[in-house]
Amino acid sequence: MTDGRARLWERSVEKEAEMARAMVRLAGSATVLGDSSKFGKLTPFAVAGFDSIDCVVREEAPDG
């Protein structure tokens, strides 16, 4: 898609996940910041396993 100003835009969630995977792979460390509504949900594209994540920050303690 173009915006009429010689710029291309990608609206694909798959491309966003691909970019996030690259950032996790290249980062010295990776931190996940998410509120409790995001945990326990499935999404169409995986970004990283928890073995790739150094820290998880959320507003409340996890259940269990």
PDB file of N, CA and C in Angstrom:
ATOM      1  N   MET A   1       0.847  -1.171   0.000  1.00  0.00           N
ATOM      2  CA  MET A   1       0.000   0.000   0.000  1.00  0.00           C
ATOM      3  C   MET A   1       0.895   1.238   0.000  1.00  0.00           C
ATOM      4  N   THR A   2       0.503   2.255  -0.711  1.00  0.00           N
ATOM      5  CA  THR A   2       1.247   3.514  -0.707  1.00  0.00           C
ATOM      6  C   THR A   2       0.364   4.617  -0.148  1.00  0.00           C
ATOM      7  N   ASP A   3       0.993   5.681   0.309  1.00  0.00           N
ATOM      8  CA  ASP A   3       0.233   6.798   0.878  1.00  0.00           C
ATOM      9  C   ASP A   3       0.245   8.029  -0.026  1.00  0.00           C
ATOM     10  N   GLY A   4       0.689   7.877  -1.270  1.00  0.00           N
ATOM     11  CA  GLY A   4       0.713   9.001  -2.191  1.00  0.00           C
ATOM     12  C   GLY A   4       1.919   9.904  -2.034  1.00  0.00           C
ATOM     13  N   ARG A   5       2.799   9.596  -1.093  1.00  0.00           N
ATOM     14  CA  ARG A   5       3.996  10.420  -0.866  1.00  0.00           C
ATOM     15  C   ARG A   5       5.261   9.589  -1.032  1.00  0.00           C
ATOM     16  N   ALA A   6       5.228   8.637  -1.952  1.00  0.00           N
ATOM     17  CA  ALA A   6       6.385   7.799  -2.266  1.00  0.00           C
ATOM     18  C   ALA A   6       6.873   6.994  -1.072  1.00  0.00           C
ATOM     19  N   ARG A   7       5.944   6.572  -0.235  1.00  0.00           N
ATOM     20  CA  ARG A   7       6.302   5.697   0.882  1.00  0.00           C
ATOM     21  C   ARG A   7       5.468   4.429   0.790  1.00  0.00           C
ATOM     22  N   LEU A   8       6.077   3.317   1.121  1.00  0.00           N
ATOM     23  CA  LEU A   8       5.376   2.037   1.159  1.00  0.00           C
ATOM     24  C   LEU A   8       5.078   1.681   2.603  1.00  0.00           C
ATOM     25  N   TRP A   9       3.921   1.131   2.826  1.00  0.00           N
ATOM     26  CA  TRP A   9       3.509   0.744   4.176  1.00  0.00           C
ATOM     27  C   TRP A   9       3.189  -0.739   4.191  1.00  0.00           C
ATOM     28  N   GLU A  10       3.618  -1.428   5.214  1.00  0.00           N
ATOM     29  CA  GLU A  10       3.325  -2.847   5.391  1.00  0.00           C
ATOM     30  C   GLU A  10       2.402  -2.994   6.582  1.00  0.00           C
ATOM     31  N   ARG A  11       1.216  -3.546   6.365  1.00  0.00           N
ATOM     32  CA  ARG A  11       0.257  -3.683   7.456  1.00  0.00           C
ATOM     33  C   ARG A  11       0.126  -5.132   7.913  1.00  0.00           C
ATOM     34  N   SER A  12       1.058  -5.953   7.553  1.00  0.00           N
ATOM     35  CA  SER A  12       0.991  -7.372   7.863  1.00  0.00           C
ATOM     36  C   SER A  12       1.479  -7.656   9.275  1.00  0.00           C
ATOM     37  N   VAL A  13       0.658  -8.336  10.047  1.00  0.00           N
ATOM     38  CA  VAL A  13       1.054  -8.753  11.397  1.00  0.00           C
ATOM     39  C   VAL A  13       2.221  -9.726  11.312  1.00  0.00           C
ATOM     40  N   GLU A  14       2.246 -10.526  10.255  1.00  0.00           N
ATOM     41  CA  GLU A  14       3.346 -11.466  10.070  1.00  0.00           C
ATOM     42  C   GLU A  14       4.678 -10.723   9.950  1.00  0.00           C
ATOM     43  N   LYS A  15       4.702  -9.607   9.240  1.00  0.00           N
ATOM     44  CA  LYS A  15       5.933  -8.812   9.101  1.00  0.00           C
ATOM     45  C   LYS A  15       6.343  -8.206  10.439  1.00  0.00           C
ATOM     46  N   GLU A  16       5.376  -7.776  11.237  1.00  0.00           N
ATOM     47  CA  GLU A  16       5.686  -7.240  12.566  1.00  0.00           C
ATOM     48  C   GLU A  16       6.306  -8.321  13.443  1.00  0.00           C
ATOM     49  N   ALA A  17       5.770  -9.530  13.385  1.00  0.00           N
ATOM     50  CA  ALA A  17       6.325 -10.641  14.159  1.00  0.00           C
ATOM     51  C   ALA A  17       7.733 -10.979  13.679  1.00  0.00           C
ATOM     52  N   GLU A  18       7.939 -10.933  12.377  1.00  0.00           N
ATOM     53  CA  GLU A  18       9.264 -11.185  11.808  1.00  0.00           C
ATOM     54  C   GLU A  18      10.280 -10.162  12.323  1.00  0.00           C
ATOM     55  N   MET A  19       9.888  -8.906  12.375  1.00  0.00           N
ATOM     56  CA  MET A  19      10.765  -7.848  12.888  1.00  0.00           C
ATOM     57  C   MET A  19      11.056  -8.069  14.371  1.00  0.00           C
ATOM     58  N   ALA A  20      10.046  -8.420  15.144  1.00  0.00           N
ATOM     59  CA  ALA A  20      10.242  -8.672  16.575  1.00  0.00           C
ATOM     60  C   ALA A  20      11.183  -9.851  16.789  1.00  0.00           C
ATOM     61  N   ARG A  21      11.058 -10.905  15.978  1.00  0.00           N
ATOM     62  CA  ARG A  21      11.977 -12.053  16.088  1.00  0.00           C
ATOM     63  C   ARG A  21      13.413 -11.617  15.834  1.00  0.00           C
ATOM     64  N   ALA A  22      13.619 -10.785  14.826  1.00  0.00           N
ATOM     65  CA  ALA A  22      14.965 -10.300  14.517  1.00  0.00           C
ATOM     66  C   ALA A  22      15.512  -9.461  15.663  1.00  0.00           C
ATOM     67  N   MET A  23      14.678  -8.617  16.263  1.00  0.00           N
ATOM     68  CA  MET A  23      15.139  -7.781  17.378  1.00  0.00           C
ATOM     69  C   MET A  23      15.543  -8.635  18.576  1.00  0.00           C
ATOM     70  N   VAL A  24      14.747  -9.667  18.891  1.00  0.00           N
ATOM     71  CA  VAL A  24      15.089 -10.557  20.013  1.00  0.00           C
ATOM     72  C   VAL A  24      16.391 -11.284  19.714  1.00  0.00           C
ATOM     73  N   ARG A  25      16.543 -11.769  18.492  1.00  0.00           N
ATOM     74  CA  ARG A  25      17.740 -12.519  18.106  1.00  0.00           C
ATOM     75  C   ARG A  25      19.001 -11.655  18.201  1.00  0.00           C
ATOM     76  N   LEU A  26      18.907 -10.387  17.818  1.00  0.00           N
ATOM     77  CA  LEU A  26      20.078  -9.513  17.770  1.00  0.00           C
ATOM     78  C   LEU A  26      20.351  -8.755  19.065  1.00  0.00           C
ATOM     79  N   ALA A  27      19.391  -8.727  19.964  1.00  0.00           N
ATOM     80  CA  ALA A  27      19.535  -7.958  21.208  1.00  0.00           C
ATOM     81  C   ALA A  27      20.477  -8.656  22.181  1.00  0.00           C
ATOM     82  N   GLY A  28      21.140  -7.875  22.998  1.00  0.00           N
ATOM     83  CA  GLY A  28      21.968  -8.433  24.063  1.00  0.00           C
ATOM     84  C   GLY A  28      21.118  -9.065  25.156  1.00  0.00           C
ATOM     85  N   SER A  29      19.940  -8.517  25.374  1.00  0.00           N
ATOM     86  CA  SER A  29      18.967  -9.083  26.308  1.00  0.00           C
ATOM     87  C   SER A  29      17.575  -8.670  25.834  1.00  0.00           C
ATOM     88  N   ALA A  30      16.571  -9.439  26.249  1.00  0.00           N
ATOM     89  CA  ALA A  30      15.200  -9.154  25.812  1.00  0.00           C
ATOM     90  C   ALA A  30      14.274  -9.105  27.016  1.00  0.00           C
ATOM     91  N   THR A  31      13.463  -8.061  27.088  1.00  0.00           N
ATOM     92  CA  THR A  31      12.484  -7.879  28.156  1.00  0.00           C
ATOM     93  C   THR A  31      11.096  -7.812  27.534  1.00  0.00           C
ATOM     94  N   VAL A  32      10.162  -8.534  28.125  1.00  0.00           N
ATOM     95  CA  VAL A  32       8.765  -8.491  27.684  1.00  0.00           C
ATOM     96  C   VAL A  32       7.998  -7.612  28.653  1.00  0.00           C
ATOM     97  N   LEU A  33       7.275  -6.650  28.123  1.00  0.00           N
ATOM     98  CA  LEU A  33       6.417  -5.780  28.924  1.00  0.00           C
ATOM     99  C   LEU A  33       4.992  -6.010  28.452  1.00  0.00           C
ATOM    100  N   GLY A  34       4.143  -6.531  29.336  1.00  0.00           N
ATOM    101  CA  GLY A  34       2.765  -6.812  28.940  1.00  0.00           C
ATOM    102  C   GLY A  34       1.837  -6.803  30.135  1.00  0.00           C
ATOM    103  N   ASP A  35       0.608  -6.338  29.919  1.00  0.00           N
ATOM    104  CA  ASP A  35      -0.351  -6.383  31.016  1.00  0.00           C
ATOM    105  C   ASP A  35      -1.001  -7.770  31.057  1.00  0.00           C
ATOM    106  N   SER A  36      -1.720  -8.053  32.131  1.00  0.00           N
ATOM    107  CA  SER A  36      -2.250  -9.395  32.358  1.00  0.00           C
ATOM    108  C   SER A  36      -3.223  -9.848  31.275  1.00  0.00           C
ATOM    109  N   SER A  37      -3.811  -8.935  30.527  1.00  0.00           N
ATOM    110  CA  SER A  37      -4.734  -9.339  29.465  1.00  0.00           C
ATOM    111  C   SER A  37      -4.017 -10.038  28.314  1.00  0.00           C
ATOM    112  N   LYS A  38      -2.708  -9.895  28.223  1.00  0.00           N
ATOM    113  CA  LYS A  38      -1.943 -10.501  27.134  1.00  0.00           C
ATOM    114  C   LYS A  38      -1.485 -11.926  27.446  1.00  0.00           C
ATOM    115  N   PHE A  39      -1.435 -12.308  28.696  1.00  0.00           N
ATOM    116  CA  PHE A  39      -0.916 -13.615  29.075  1.00  0.00           C
ATOM    117  C   PHE A  39      -1.996 -14.681  28.956  1.00  0.00           C
ATOM    118  N   GLY A  40      -1.597 -15.873  28.503  1.00  0.00           N
ATOM    119  CA  GLY A  40      -2.533 -16.968  28.339  1.00  0.00           C
ATOM    120  C   GLY A  40      -3.324 -16.907  27.048  1.00  0.00           C
ATOM    121  N   LYS A  41      -2.980 -15.999  26.154  1.00  0.00           N
ATOM    122  CA  LYS A  41      -3.668 -15.846  24.870  1.00  0.00           C
ATOM    123  C   LYS A  41      -2.785 -16.392  23.753  1.00  0.00           C
ATOM    124  N   LEU A  42      -3.413 -16.967  22.749  1.00  0.00           N
ATOM    125  CA  LEU A  42      -2.684 -17.429  21.574  1.00  0.00           C
ATOM    126  C   LEU A  42      -2.797 -16.383  20.477  1.00  0.00           C
ATOM    127  N   THR A  43      -1.716 -16.211  19.742  1.00  0.00           N
ATOM    128  CA  THR A  43      -1.702 -15.302  18.604  1.00  0.00           C
ATOM    129  C   THR A  43      -1.237 -16.076  17.379  1.00  0.00           C
ATOM    130  N   PRO A  44      -1.483 -15.581  16.180  1.00  0.00           N
ATOM    131  CA  PRO A  44      -1.136 -16.344  14.984  1.00  0.00           C
ATOM    132  C   PRO A  44       0.365 -16.512  14.741  1.00  0.00           C
ATOM    133  N   PHE A  45       1.193 -15.633  15.305  1.00  0.00           N
ATOM    134  CA  PHE A  45       2.622 -15.678  15.004  1.00  0.00           C
ATOM    135  C   PHE A  45       3.442 -15.655  16.282  1.00  0.00           C
ATOM    136  N   ALA A  46       4.293 -16.671  16.452  1.00  0.00           N
ATOM    137  CA  ALA A  46       5.192 -16.723  17.608  1.00  0.00           C
ATOM    138  C   ALA A  46       6.375 -15.792  17.357  1.00  0.00           C
ATOM    139  N   VAL A  47       6.831 -15.136  18.415  1.00  0.00           N
ATOM    140  CA  VAL A  47       7.984 -14.246  18.309  1.00  0.00           C
ATOM    141  C   VAL A  47       9.210 -14.896  18.924  1.00  0.00           C
ATOM    142  N   ALA A  48       9.087 -15.429  20.136  1.00  0.00           N
ATOM    143  CA  ALA A  48      10.231 -16.029  20.824  1.00  0.00           C
ATOM    144  C   ALA A  48       9.736 -16.964  21.908  1.00  0.00           C
ATOM    145  N   GLY A  49      10.561 -17.933  22.240  1.00  0.00           N
ATOM    146  CA  GLY A  49      10.274 -18.782  23.384  1.00  0.00           C
ATOM    147  C   GLY A  49      10.759 -18.097  24.651  1.00  0.00           C
ATOM    148  N   PHE A  50      10.225 -18.510  25.789  1.00  0.00           N
ATOM    149  CA  PHE A  50      10.649 -17.887  27.042  1.00  0.00           C
ATOM    150  C   PHE A  50      12.127 -18.137  27.338  1.00  0.00           C
ATOM    151  N   ASP A  51      12.733 -19.130  26.692  1.00  0.00           N
ATOM    152  CA  ASP A  51      14.170 -19.345  26.871  1.00  0.00           C
ATOM    153  C   ASP A  51      14.990 -18.212  26.256  1.00  0.00           C
ATOM    154  N   SER A  52      14.378 -17.391  25.401  1.00  0.00           N
ATOM    155  CA  SER A  52      15.056 -16.245  24.786  1.00  0.00           C
ATOM    156  C   SER A  52      14.821 -14.941  25.538  1.00  0.00           C
ATOM    157  N   ILE A  53      13.967 -14.971  26.560  1.00  0.00           N
ATOM    158  CA  ILE A  53      13.563 -13.765  27.279  1.00  0.00           C
ATOM    159  C   ILE A  53      14.289 -13.688  28.618  1.00  0.00           C
ATOM    160  N   ASP A  54      14.860 -12.536  28.918  1.00  0.00           N
ATOM    161  CA  ASP A  54      15.603 -12.351  30.165  1.00  0.00           C
ATOM    162  C   ASP A  54      14.736 -11.846  31.307  1.00  0.00           C
ATOM    163  N   CYS A  55      13.686 -11.088  30.996  1.00  0.00           N
ATOM    164  CA  CYS A  55      12.871 -10.474  32.043  1.00  0.00           C
ATOM    165  C   CYS A  55      11.446 -10.277  31.529  1.00  0.00           C
ATOM    166  N   VAL A  56      10.465 -10.530  32.402  1.00  0.00           N
ATOM    167  CA  VAL A  56       9.060 -10.267  32.086  1.00  0.00           C
ATOM    168  C   VAL A  56       8.541  -9.262  33.106  1.00  0.00           C
ATOM    169  N   VAL A  57       7.960  -8.164  32.628  1.00  0.00           N
ATOM    170  CA  VAL A  57       7.409  -7.122  33.495  1.00  0.00           C
ATOM    171  C   VAL A  57       5.906  -7.058  33.241  1.00  0.00           C
ATOM    172  N   ARG A  58       5.119  -7.137  34.329  1.00  0.00           N
ATOM    173  CA  ARG A  58       3.668  -6.999  34.217  1.00  0.00           C
ATOM    174  C   ARG A  58       3.119  -6.334  35.457  1.00  0.00           C
ATOM    175  N   GLU A  59       1.876  -5.911  35.419  1.00  0.00           N
ATOM    176  CA  GLU A  59       1.329  -5.094  36.501  1.00  0.00           C
ATOM    177  C   GLU A  59       0.897  -5.895  37.718  1.00  0.00           C
ATOM    178  N   GLU A  60       0.783  -7.216  37.599  1.00  0.00           N
ATOM    179  CA  GLU A  60       0.400  -8.028  38.756  1.00  0.00           C
ATOM    180  C   GLU A  60       1.083  -9.385  38.683  1.00  0.00           C
ATOM    181  N   ALA A  61       1.157 -10.071  39.819  1.00  0.00           N
ATOM    182  CA  ALA A  61       1.812 -11.373  39.879  1.00  0.00           C
ATOM    183  C   ALA A  61       1.016 -12.392  39.062  1.00  0.00           C
ATOM    184  N   PRO A  62       1.701 -13.355  38.439  1.00  0.00           N
ATOM    185  CA  PRO A  62       0.993 -14.374  37.670  1.00  0.00           C
ATOM    186  C   PRO A  62       0.178 -15.297  38.575  1.00  0.00           C
ATOM    187  N   ASP A  63      -0.883 -15.870  38.031  1.00  0.00           N
ATOM    188  CA  ASP A  63      -1.678 -16.849  38.774  1.00  0.00           C
ATOM    189  C   ASP A  63      -0.856 -18.109  38.986  1.00  0.00           C
ATOM    190  N   GLY A  64      -1.042 -18.716  40.149  1.00  0.00           N
ATOM    191  CA  GLY A  64      -0.371 -19.987  40.426  1.00  0.00           C
ATOM    192  C   GLY A  64       0.937 -19.781  40.967  1.00  0.00           C
TER     193      GLY A  64
END
